[in-house]
Structure formats: structure tokens, C-alpha cells
């Protein structure tokens, strides 16, 4: 079965974005489906494009307390019989 052959057993699809420690200015878009995976440059982080005093209101409300501004990693995994601990490891 194809579910057991990928790096993340049980994952059929995943998508999101990540913060790379090597580049504080730009996010990385993450996408996978089946055995295919893609990483590509994503949008620039708000924290890298302007001082906090100029952030849009939604960004101030959501990220003002974060030491790193809007920089973060958010990836969604969709699949069957996934083991969360294995994916997080």
C-alpha cells in the first residue's frame, strides 16, 4: 500500500509553511501528496518587511507577544492511520 512507503506513514497529503533558521526573512511553502513533496520560497514574513509599529492590525493582535513576530511553522497532515508521535518526531 502507498500509505506505508512515504517518509510519514499514513500521510496522504500535507501542506503549510515553515520558518527556516537559515533565512529569517522568507517563509518556505511545504506541500506533499503521496510520494511527491515540494518545498519552495513562500511569502516574506511581516516581521522582516517592516517595524512592529507599522504592522497591520491583524498581525499586531495575533503576533505582538511573539518574540519572533509572525515567523512560525504551521503544517497540516491529512491521512489515514497516522501516528501523531511518529510525525512529530
Protein backbone atom coordinates (compact mmCIF):
# COMPACT_ATOMS: atom_id res chain seq x y z
CA UNK A 1 0.00 0.00 0.00
CA UNK A 2 1.19 3.51 -0.79
CA UNK A 3 0.39 4.62 2.77
CA UNK A 4 3.36 2.74 4.19
CA UNK A 5 6.03 3.82 1.66
CA UNK A 6 6.39 7.52 2.41
CA UNK A 7 8.61 9.25 4.94
CA UNK A 8 5.45 9.84 7.00
CA UNK A 9 3.48 6.57 7.06
CA UNK A 10 -0.26 7.11 6.74
CA UNK A 11 0.05 10.68 5.44
CA UNK A 12 -1.72 11.19 2.12
CA UNK A 13 -1.23 14.94 1.87
CA UNK A 14 0.40 17.74 3.83
CA UNK A 15 0.67 21.45 3.28
CA UNK A 16 1.67 24.59 5.07
CA UNK A 17 4.66 26.81 5.62
CA UNK A 18 7.80 26.76 7.70
CA UNK A 19 10.33 29.10 9.22
CA UNK A 20 13.88 28.17 8.30
CA UNK A 21 16.56 29.11 10.80
CA UNK A 22 18.79 29.87 7.82
CA UNK A 23 16.53 32.62 6.44
CA UNK A 24 14.66 34.91 8.80
CA UNK A 25 13.14 36.97 6.01
CA UNK A 26 11.17 34.48 3.92
CA UNK A 27 8.85 31.57 4.67
CA UNK A 28 9.09 28.19 2.97
CA UNK A 29 5.97 26.68 1.41
CA UNK A 30 5.60 22.96 2.16
CA UNK A 31 3.44 20.64 0.05
CA UNK A 32 3.23 16.87 -0.30
CA UNK A 33 0.83 14.43 -1.91
CA UNK A 34 1.51 10.71 -1.98
CA UNK A 35 5.21 10.19 -2.66
CA UNK A 36 5.70 13.67 -4.12
CA UNK A 37 6.95 16.55 -1.97
CA UNK A 38 7.76 20.17 -2.76
CA UNK A 39 9.49 22.96 -0.86
CA UNK A 40 9.63 26.41 -2.41
CA UNK A 41 10.09 30.01 -1.32
CA UNK A 42 6.98 31.46 0.28
CA UNK A 43 5.98 34.98 1.16
CA UNK A 44 8.22 37.21 3.24
CA UNK A 45 7.48 37.38 6.95
CA UNK A 46 5.80 40.60 8.09
CA UNK A 47 8.43 40.88 10.83
CA UNK A 48 11.10 41.01 8.12
CA UNK A 49 9.40 43.63 5.97
CA UNK A 50 8.54 46.40 8.43
CA UNK A 51 8.95 47.52 12.04
CA UNK A 52 6.27 46.37 14.52
CA UNK A 53 4.90 49.90 14.70
CA UNK A 54 3.79 49.57 11.04
CA UNK A 55 2.30 46.06 11.19
CA UNK A 56 -1.31 45.63 10.03
CA UNK A 57 -3.84 45.45 12.89
CA UNK A 58 -4.46 41.70 12.46
CA UNK A 59 -0.73 40.98 12.80
CA UNK A 60 -0.42 43.12 15.92
CA UNK A 61 -3.37 41.32 17.52
CA UNK A 62 -2.11 37.85 16.63
CA UNK A 63 1.69 38.11 16.94
CA UNK A 64 2.51 41.09 19.18
CA UNK A 65 3.54 38.88 22.11
CA UNK A 66 5.69 36.60 19.96
CA UNK A 67 9.41 37.18 20.25
CA UNK A 68 9.81 36.30 16.57
CA UNK A 69 6.78 38.13 15.21
CA UNK A 70 4.83 36.16 12.62
CA UNK A 71 7.65 33.68 11.97
CA UNK A 72 6.48 30.13 12.72
CA UNK A 73 5.89 26.68 11.26
CA UNK A 74 2.36 25.51 10.50
CA UNK A 75 1.88 22.26 8.60
CA UNK A 76 -1.33 20.25 8.27
CA UNK A 77 -1.16 16.47 7.74
CA UNK A 78 -4.09 14.62 6.16
CA UNK A 79 -4.17 10.84 6.04
CA UNK A 80 -5.31 7.54 7.47
CA UNK A 81 -3.92 5.52 10.39
CA UNK A 82 -1.36 8.22 11.15
CA UNK A 83 0.60 8.07 14.40
CA UNK A 84 0.99 11.62 15.68
CA UNK A 85 4.14 10.86 17.69
CA UNK A 86 5.85 9.47 14.57
CA UNK A 87 5.01 12.58 12.55
CA UNK A 88 6.20 14.94 15.29
CA UNK A 89 9.49 13.04 15.83
